[in-house]
Amino acid sequence: MDLQLLKTFLLWNLSINYLIIIVWFAAFVFAHDGMYRLHNRWFPLSVEHFNVVHYLGISIYKIGALLFNLVPYFVLLYLTRHGS
């Protein structure tokens, strides 16, 4: 596989993951009560626990996106500029 293609793939993947994070955060902020009522039908959670679960979920997803997309991109960028 061409390294330029792999770098492009990683950047697109990172962009899509960040779009998912933004949509998740926007839904959490603007539709919080509706989301809480929907989830509370299945899982009896307090509002505080619901907030913590979503905040941790967003945080873990963001760390994963950075770890699996941005870090390999920077490594490939470094290797292509400085040789291997």
C-alpha atoms as a PDB file:
ATOM      1  CA  MET A   1       0.000   0.000   0.000  1.00  0.00           C
ATOM      2  CA  ASP A   2       1.245   3.465  -0.853  1.00  0.00           C
ATOM      3  CA  LEU A   3       2.195   5.531   2.205  1.00  0.00           C
ATOM      4  CA  GLN A   4       0.453   8.624   0.849  1.00  0.00           C
ATOM      5  CA  LEU A   5      -2.759   6.645   0.470  1.00  0.00           C
ATOM      6  CA  LEU A   6      -2.407   5.363   4.032  1.00  0.00           C
ATOM      7  CA  LYS A   7      -1.844   8.891   5.367  1.00  0.00           C
ATOM      8  CA  THR A   8      -4.899  10.130   3.479  1.00  0.00           C
ATOM      9  CA  PHE A   9      -6.946   7.232   4.855  1.00  0.00           C
ATOM     10  CA  LEU A  10      -5.870   8.020   8.423  1.00  0.00           C
ATOM     11  CA  LEU A  11      -6.800  11.692   8.070  1.00  0.00           C
ATOM     12  CA  TRP A  12     -10.210  10.859   6.583  1.00  0.00           C
ATOM     13  CA  ASN A  13     -10.793   8.312   9.319  1.00  0.00           C
ATOM     14  CA  LEU A  14      -9.864  10.879  11.966  1.00  0.00           C
ATOM     15  CA  SER A  15     -12.200  13.428  10.371  1.00  0.00           C
ATOM     16  CA  ILE A  16     -15.109  10.979  10.340  1.00  0.00           C
ATOM     17  CA  ASN A  17     -14.441  10.005  13.956  1.00  0.00           C
ATOM     18  CA  TYR A  18     -14.402  13.661  15.022  1.00  0.00           C
ATOM     19  CA  LEU A  19     -17.652  14.244  13.141  1.00  0.00           C
ATOM     20  CA  ILE A  20     -19.170  11.386  15.143  1.00  0.00           C
ATOM     21  CA  ILE A  21     -17.880  12.964  18.365  1.00  0.00           C
ATOM     22  CA  ILE A  22     -19.348  16.356  17.416  1.00  0.00           C
ATOM     23  CA  VAL A  23     -22.733  14.840  16.562  1.00  0.00           C
ATOM     24  CA  TRP A  24     -22.712  12.804  19.781  1.00  0.00           C
ATOM     25  CA  PHE A  25     -21.833  15.888  21.846  1.00  0.00           C
ATOM     26  CA  ALA A  26     -24.451  18.034  20.078  1.00  0.00           C
ATOM     27  CA  ALA A  27     -27.126  15.388  20.630  1.00  0.00           C
ATOM     28  CA  PHE A  28     -26.062  15.111  24.270  1.00  0.00           C
ATOM     29  CA  VAL A  29     -26.276  18.887  24.801  1.00  0.00           C
ATOM     30  CA  PHE A  30     -29.363  19.729  22.771  1.00  0.00           C
ATOM     31  CA  ALA A  31     -31.429  16.551  23.263  1.00  0.00           C
ATOM     32  CA  HIS A  32     -30.262  15.633  26.749  1.00  0.00           C
ATOM     33  CA  ASP A  33     -33.686  15.154  28.289  1.00  0.00           C
ATOM     34  CA  GLY A  34     -35.025  13.062  25.423  1.00  0.00           C
ATOM     35  CA  MET A  35     -31.914  10.893  25.396  1.00  0.00           C
ATOM     36  CA  TYR A  36     -32.158  10.462  29.157  1.00  0.00           C
ATOM     37  CA  ARG A  37     -35.825   9.412  28.998  1.00  0.00           C
ATOM     38  CA  LEU A  38     -35.085   6.953  26.182  1.00  0.00           C
ATOM     39  CA  HIS A  39     -32.122   5.364  27.968  1.00  0.00           C
ATOM     40  CA  ASN A  40     -33.877   5.396  31.321  1.00  0.00           C
ATOM     41  CA  ARG A  41     -36.524   3.033  29.895  1.00  0.00           C
ATOM     42  CA  TRP A  42     -33.840   0.371  29.462  1.00  0.00           C
ATOM     43  CA  PHE A  43     -31.379   1.208  32.228  1.00  0.00           C
ATOM     44  CA  PRO A  44     -32.477   2.796  35.502  1.00  0.00           C
ATOM     45  CA  LEU A  45     -29.831   5.514  35.828  1.00  0.00           C
ATOM     46  CA  SER A  46     -29.769   8.777  37.687  1.00  0.00           C
ATOM     47  CA  VAL A  47     -29.134  11.906  35.635  1.00  0.00           C
ATOM     48  CA  GLU A  48     -25.661  12.187  37.155  1.00  0.00           C
ATOM     49  CA  HIS A  49     -24.736   8.632  36.142  1.00  0.00           C
ATOM     50  CA  PHE A  50     -26.178   9.190  32.673  1.00  0.00           C
ATOM     51  CA  ASN A  51     -24.010  12.298  32.249  1.00  0.00           C
ATOM     52  CA  VAL A  52     -20.902  10.490  33.492  1.00  0.00           C
ATOM     53  CA  VAL A  53     -21.462   7.539  31.166  1.00  0.00           C
ATOM     54  CA  HIS A  54     -21.807   9.779  28.119  1.00  0.00           C
ATOM     55  CA  TYR A  55     -18.907  12.032  29.101  1.00  0.00           C
ATOM     56  CA  LEU A  56     -16.641   9.016  29.604  1.00  0.00           C
ATOM     57  CA  GLY A  57     -17.869   7.474  26.367  1.00  0.00           C
ATOM     58  CA  ILE A  58     -17.057  10.614  24.413  1.00  0.00           C
ATOM     59  CA  SER A  59     -13.663  10.856  26.118  1.00  0.00           C
ATOM     60  CA  ILE A  60     -12.709   7.240  25.447  1.00  0.00           C
ATOM     61  CA  TYR A  61     -13.878   7.493  21.830  1.00  0.00           C
ATOM     62  CA  LYS A  62     -11.809  10.659  21.369  1.00  0.00           C
ATOM     63  CA  ILE A  63      -8.694   9.086  22.892  1.00  0.00           C
ATOM     64  CA  GLY A  64      -9.152   6.045  20.642  1.00  0.00           C
ATOM     65  CA  ALA A  65      -9.519   8.226  17.556  1.00  0.00           C
ATOM     66  CA  LEU A  66      -6.337  10.096  18.418  1.00  0.00           C
ATOM     67  CA  LEU A  67      -4.423   6.955  19.342  1.00  0.00           C
ATOM     68  CA  PHE A  68      -5.380   4.905  16.294  1.00  0.00           C
ATOM     69  CA  ASN A  69      -5.474   7.673  13.663  1.00  0.00           C
ATOM     70  CA  LEU A  70      -3.419  10.709  14.567  1.00  0.00           C
ATOM     71  CA  VAL A  71      -0.429   8.965  16.140  1.00  0.00           C
ATOM     72  CA  PRO A  72       0.096   6.604  13.159  1.00  0.00           C
ATOM     73  CA  TYR A  73      -0.333   9.579  10.815  1.00  0.00           C
ATOM     74  CA  PHE A  74       2.436  11.499  12.589  1.00  0.00           C
ATOM     75  CA  VAL A  75       4.686   8.431  12.557  1.00  0.00           C
ATOM     76  CA  LEU A  76       4.174   8.003   8.811  1.00  0.00           C
ATOM     77  CA  LEU A  77       4.709  11.718   8.288  1.00  0.00           C
ATOM     78  CA  TYR A  78       7.967  11.558  10.221  1.00  0.00           C
ATOM     79  CA  LEU A  79       9.158   8.455   8.393  1.00  0.00           C
ATOM     80  CA  THR A  80       8.418   9.858   4.949  1.00  0.00           C
ATOM     81  CA  ARG A  81      10.248  13.117   5.724  1.00  0.00           C
ATOM     82  CA  HIS A  82      13.270  11.694   7.551  1.00  0.00           C
ATOM     83  CA  GLY A  83      13.587   8.338   5.840  1.00  0.00           C
ATOM     84  CA  SER A  84      13.409   4.988   7.527  1.00  0.00           C
END
